[in-house]
N, C-alpha and C. Protein backbone atom coordinates (compact mmCIF):
# COMPACT_ATOMS: atom_id res chain seq x y z
N MET A 1 -22.99 -13.76 -15.48
CA MET A 1 -24.03 -12.91 -14.97
C MET A 1 -25.17 -12.90 -15.99
N PRO A 2 -26.25 -13.56 -15.71
CA PRO A 2 -27.36 -13.59 -16.67
C PRO A 2 -28.16 -12.30 -16.62
N LEU A 3 -28.72 -11.97 -17.76
CA LEU A 3 -29.54 -10.78 -17.89
C LEU A 3 -30.88 -11.21 -18.47
N LEU A 4 -31.96 -10.83 -17.84
CA LEU A 4 -33.30 -11.19 -18.29
C LEU A 4 -33.82 -10.11 -19.24
N LEU A 5 -34.06 -10.51 -20.48
CA LEU A 5 -34.57 -9.59 -21.49
C LEU A 5 -36.09 -9.67 -21.53
N SER A 6 -36.69 -8.72 -22.19
CA SER A 6 -38.15 -8.76 -22.32
C SER A 6 -38.54 -10.02 -23.10
N GLY A 7 -39.63 -10.63 -22.73
CA GLY A 7 -40.08 -11.86 -23.36
C GLY A 7 -39.54 -13.10 -22.67
N GLY A 8 -38.79 -12.92 -21.54
CA GLY A 8 -38.30 -14.05 -20.77
C GLY A 8 -37.01 -14.64 -21.28
N THR A 9 -36.35 -14.03 -22.25
CA THR A 9 -35.09 -14.54 -22.77
C THR A 9 -33.96 -14.20 -21.80
N VAL A 10 -33.14 -15.21 -21.49
CA VAL A 10 -32.00 -15.00 -20.60
C VAL A 10 -30.74 -14.89 -21.46
N LEU A 11 -29.99 -13.84 -21.23
CA LEU A 11 -28.77 -13.59 -21.99
C LEU A 11 -27.59 -13.74 -21.05
N ASN A 12 -26.66 -14.61 -21.41
CA ASN A 12 -25.46 -14.80 -20.60
C ASN A 12 -24.41 -13.80 -21.09
N LEU A 13 -24.11 -12.80 -20.30
CA LEU A 13 -23.19 -11.75 -20.72
C LEU A 13 -21.76 -12.24 -20.85
N HIS A 14 -21.36 -13.22 -20.04
CA HIS A 14 -20.01 -13.77 -20.16
C HIS A 14 -19.85 -14.48 -21.50
N ALA A 15 -20.81 -15.26 -21.87
CA ALA A 15 -20.73 -16.04 -23.10
C ALA A 15 -20.75 -15.14 -24.33
N THR A 16 -21.45 -14.04 -24.27
CA THR A 16 -21.54 -13.15 -25.43
C THR A 16 -20.36 -12.20 -25.53
N GLY A 17 -19.59 -12.09 -24.46
CA GLY A 17 -18.46 -11.17 -24.47
C GLY A 17 -18.87 -9.74 -24.19
N LEU A 18 -20.11 -9.53 -23.81
CA LEU A 18 -20.59 -8.18 -23.53
C LEU A 18 -20.17 -7.69 -22.15
N LEU A 19 -19.77 -8.60 -21.31
CA LEU A 19 -19.36 -8.21 -19.96
C LEU A 19 -17.84 -8.15 -19.94
N HIS A 20 -17.31 -6.98 -19.70
CA HIS A 20 -15.86 -6.80 -19.65
C HIS A 20 -15.40 -7.11 -18.24
N THR A 21 -14.53 -8.10 -18.09
CA THR A 21 -14.12 -8.54 -16.77
C THR A 21 -12.79 -7.96 -16.33
N GLY A 22 -12.15 -7.19 -17.13
CA GLY A 22 -10.87 -6.61 -16.72
C GLY A 22 -9.98 -6.35 -17.90
N MET A 23 -8.75 -5.99 -17.60
CA MET A 23 -7.79 -5.71 -18.66
C MET A 23 -7.36 -7.02 -19.31
N THR A 24 -7.22 -7.01 -20.60
CA THR A 24 -6.80 -8.21 -21.30
C THR A 24 -5.31 -8.20 -21.59
N ASP A 25 -4.69 -7.03 -21.57
CA ASP A 25 -3.26 -6.94 -21.83
C ASP A 25 -2.51 -7.23 -20.55
N SER A 26 -1.73 -8.31 -20.53
CA SER A 26 -1.05 -8.69 -19.30
C SER A 26 0.31 -8.01 -19.16
N SER A 27 0.84 -7.41 -20.21
CA SER A 27 2.14 -6.77 -20.11
C SER A 27 1.97 -5.39 -19.50
N PRO A 28 2.91 -4.99 -18.65
CA PRO A 28 2.80 -3.66 -18.04
C PRO A 28 3.04 -2.58 -19.07
N LYS A 29 2.31 -1.52 -18.95
CA LYS A 29 2.45 -0.40 -19.87
C LYS A 29 3.67 0.42 -19.46
N THR A 30 4.51 0.71 -20.40
CA THR A 30 5.68 1.51 -20.13
C THR A 30 5.60 2.80 -20.93
N GLN A 31 6.30 3.78 -20.44
CA GLN A 31 6.34 5.05 -21.14
C GLN A 31 7.16 4.88 -22.41
N PRO A 32 6.71 5.44 -23.50
CA PRO A 32 7.51 5.35 -24.72
C PRO A 32 8.82 6.11 -24.52
N GLU A 33 9.86 5.58 -25.08
CA GLU A 33 11.18 6.20 -24.93
C GLU A 33 11.19 7.52 -25.69
N GLN A 34 11.56 8.56 -24.97
CA GLN A 34 11.61 9.87 -25.59
C GLN A 34 13.00 10.11 -26.16
N ARG A 35 13.03 10.67 -27.32
CA ARG A 35 14.30 11.04 -27.92
C ARG A 35 14.53 12.52 -27.63
N LEU A 36 15.62 12.79 -26.96
CA LEU A 36 15.93 14.17 -26.60
C LEU A 36 17.00 14.72 -27.53
N SER A 37 16.91 16.01 -27.75
CA SER A 37 17.96 16.66 -28.53
C SER A 37 19.24 16.66 -27.70
N ALA A 38 20.33 16.95 -28.34
CA ALA A 38 21.62 16.98 -27.64
C ALA A 38 21.59 18.02 -26.52
N GLN A 39 20.96 19.16 -26.78
CA GLN A 39 20.88 20.21 -25.78
C GLN A 39 20.01 19.77 -24.60
N ALA A 40 18.90 19.12 -24.88
CA ALA A 40 18.01 18.65 -23.81
C ALA A 40 18.68 17.54 -23.00
N GLN A 41 19.40 16.66 -23.67
CA GLN A 41 20.11 15.59 -22.97
C GLN A 41 21.20 16.17 -22.08
N ALA A 42 21.90 17.17 -22.56
CA ALA A 42 22.95 17.82 -21.76
C ALA A 42 22.33 18.49 -20.54
N ALA A 43 21.18 19.14 -20.73
CA ALA A 43 20.51 19.79 -19.60
C ALA A 43 20.05 18.76 -18.58
N ARG A 44 19.54 17.63 -19.07
CA ARG A 44 19.11 16.56 -18.16
C ARG A 44 20.30 16.00 -17.39
N ASP A 45 21.41 15.78 -18.07
CA ASP A 45 22.61 15.25 -17.41
C ASP A 45 23.12 16.22 -16.35
N ASP A 46 23.13 17.52 -16.68
CA ASP A 46 23.56 18.53 -15.71
C ASP A 46 22.66 18.54 -14.49
N ARG A 47 21.35 18.47 -14.73
CA ARG A 47 20.39 18.46 -13.63
C ARG A 47 20.58 17.22 -12.74
N MET A 48 20.80 16.06 -13.36
CA MET A 48 21.01 14.83 -12.59
C MET A 48 22.31 14.92 -11.79
N ALA A 49 23.35 15.52 -12.37
CA ALA A 49 24.62 15.67 -11.66
C ALA A 49 24.47 16.60 -10.47
N ARG A 50 23.74 17.71 -10.66
CA ARG A 50 23.50 18.64 -9.54
C ARG A 50 22.69 17.98 -8.44
N GLN A 51 21.71 17.20 -8.82
CA GLN A 51 20.89 16.50 -7.83
C GLN A 51 21.72 15.48 -7.06
N ALA A 52 22.57 14.73 -7.76
CA ALA A 52 23.42 13.74 -7.10
C ALA A 52 24.38 14.43 -6.13
N ALA A 53 24.95 15.55 -6.54
CA ALA A 53 25.86 16.28 -5.66
C ALA A 53 25.13 16.81 -4.43
N ALA A 54 23.91 17.31 -4.62
CA ALA A 54 23.12 17.82 -3.49
C ALA A 54 22.76 16.70 -2.53
N LEU A 55 22.43 15.53 -3.07
CA LEU A 55 22.10 14.39 -2.20
C LEU A 55 23.31 13.93 -1.40
N ARG A 56 24.48 13.90 -2.05
CA ARG A 56 25.71 13.51 -1.33
C ARG A 56 26.03 14.51 -0.23
N ALA A 57 25.90 15.81 -0.54
CA ALA A 57 26.17 16.85 0.46
C ALA A 57 25.20 16.73 1.63
N ASN A 58 23.95 16.47 1.35
CA ASN A 58 22.94 16.32 2.40
C ASN A 58 23.27 15.11 3.28
N LEU A 59 23.67 14.02 2.66
CA LEU A 59 24.03 12.83 3.44
C LEU A 59 25.24 13.11 4.34
N ARG A 60 26.25 13.78 3.79
CA ARG A 60 27.42 14.14 4.62
C ARG A 60 27.01 15.03 5.79
N ARG A 61 26.14 16.01 5.51
CA ARG A 61 25.70 16.93 6.55
C ARG A 61 24.92 16.18 7.65
N ARG A 62 24.06 15.26 7.26
CA ARG A 62 23.29 14.51 8.27
C ARG A 62 24.19 13.59 9.09
N LYS A 63 25.17 12.98 8.44
CA LYS A 63 26.11 12.11 9.18
C LYS A 63 26.93 12.93 10.17
N GLU A 64 27.40 14.09 9.71
CA GLU A 64 28.18 14.96 10.60
C GLU A 64 27.33 15.42 11.78
N GLN A 65 26.09 15.74 11.53
CA GLN A 65 25.18 16.17 12.59
C GLN A 65 24.95 15.05 13.59
N ALA A 66 24.77 13.84 13.10
CA ALA A 66 24.56 12.69 14.00
C ALA A 66 25.80 12.42 14.84
N ARG A 67 26.98 12.54 14.20
CA ARG A 67 28.23 12.33 14.96
C ARG A 67 28.40 13.40 16.03
N SER A 68 28.09 14.64 15.70
CA SER A 68 28.26 15.71 16.69
C SER A 68 27.29 15.55 17.85
N ARG A 69 26.11 15.08 17.59
CA ARG A 69 25.16 14.82 18.68
C ARG A 69 25.66 13.68 19.57
N GLN A 70 26.23 12.67 18.96
CA GLN A 70 26.73 11.54 19.74
C GLN A 70 27.96 11.94 20.55
N ASP A 71 28.83 12.77 19.96
CA ASP A 71 30.03 13.22 20.66
C ASP A 71 29.70 14.20 21.79
N ALA A 72 28.64 14.99 21.62
CA ALA A 72 28.28 15.99 22.62
C ALA A 72 27.83 15.34 23.93
N ASP A 73 27.12 14.24 23.87
CA ASP A 73 26.62 13.57 25.06
C ASP A 73 26.69 12.06 24.86
N PRO A 74 27.90 11.48 25.00
CA PRO A 74 28.04 10.04 24.73
C PRO A 74 27.33 9.16 25.76
N GLY A 75 27.01 9.69 26.94
CA GLY A 75 26.38 8.87 27.98
C GLY A 75 24.89 8.67 27.79
N SER A 76 24.25 9.52 27.03
CA SER A 76 22.81 9.38 26.87
C SER A 76 22.48 8.94 25.45
N ASP A 77 22.01 7.74 25.32
CA ASP A 77 21.56 7.22 24.04
C ASP A 77 20.09 7.56 23.87
N PRO A 78 19.67 7.92 22.66
CA PRO A 78 18.25 8.22 22.46
C PRO A 78 17.37 7.00 22.72
N ILE A 79 17.86 5.81 22.39
CA ILE A 79 17.13 4.57 22.64
C ILE A 79 18.06 3.65 23.43
N PRO A 80 17.67 3.29 24.64
CA PRO A 80 18.52 2.40 25.42
C PRO A 80 18.70 1.05 24.72
N PRO A 81 19.82 0.36 24.97
CA PRO A 81 20.08 -0.92 24.31
C PRO A 81 19.00 -1.97 24.58
N ASN A 82 18.40 -1.95 25.78
CA ASN A 82 17.37 -2.94 26.07
C ASN A 82 15.99 -2.48 25.64
N GLY A 83 15.86 -1.25 25.14
CA GLY A 83 14.59 -0.73 24.63
C GLY A 83 13.64 -0.25 25.71
N VAL A 84 14.08 -0.24 26.99
CA VAL A 84 13.23 0.18 28.09
C VAL A 84 13.68 1.54 28.58
N SER A 85 12.76 2.47 28.66
CA SER A 85 13.07 3.81 29.11
C SER A 85 13.32 3.82 30.62
N LYS A 86 14.28 4.61 31.07
CA LYS A 86 14.61 4.69 32.48
C LYS A 86 13.71 5.67 33.22
N THR A 87 12.81 6.35 32.54
CA THR A 87 11.98 7.34 33.20
C THR A 87 10.85 6.71 34.02
N CYS A 88 10.54 5.44 33.77
CA CYS A 88 9.49 4.78 34.54
C CYS A 88 10.05 4.30 35.89
N PRO A 89 9.32 4.48 37.01
CA PRO A 89 9.84 4.05 38.32
C PRO A 89 9.79 2.54 38.47
């Protein structure tokens, strides 16, 4: 990208390095590893364990709910196998 200076001088910004074309560091930036105290690490582990247990319980609850819906009305599928709704004449 040339730049016209006073006096008719043309300055090539790419050649001078004055034009920044992007990031030069090609490695992805990662978060520095944090060192946690034993108490903080224990709290983090407890929190992760509680979250994992809650996610498992939620998955069981959703599966049970889906099974009960299917058992309640086995003749009506929410989506027909051929993908065409029977409500159209």
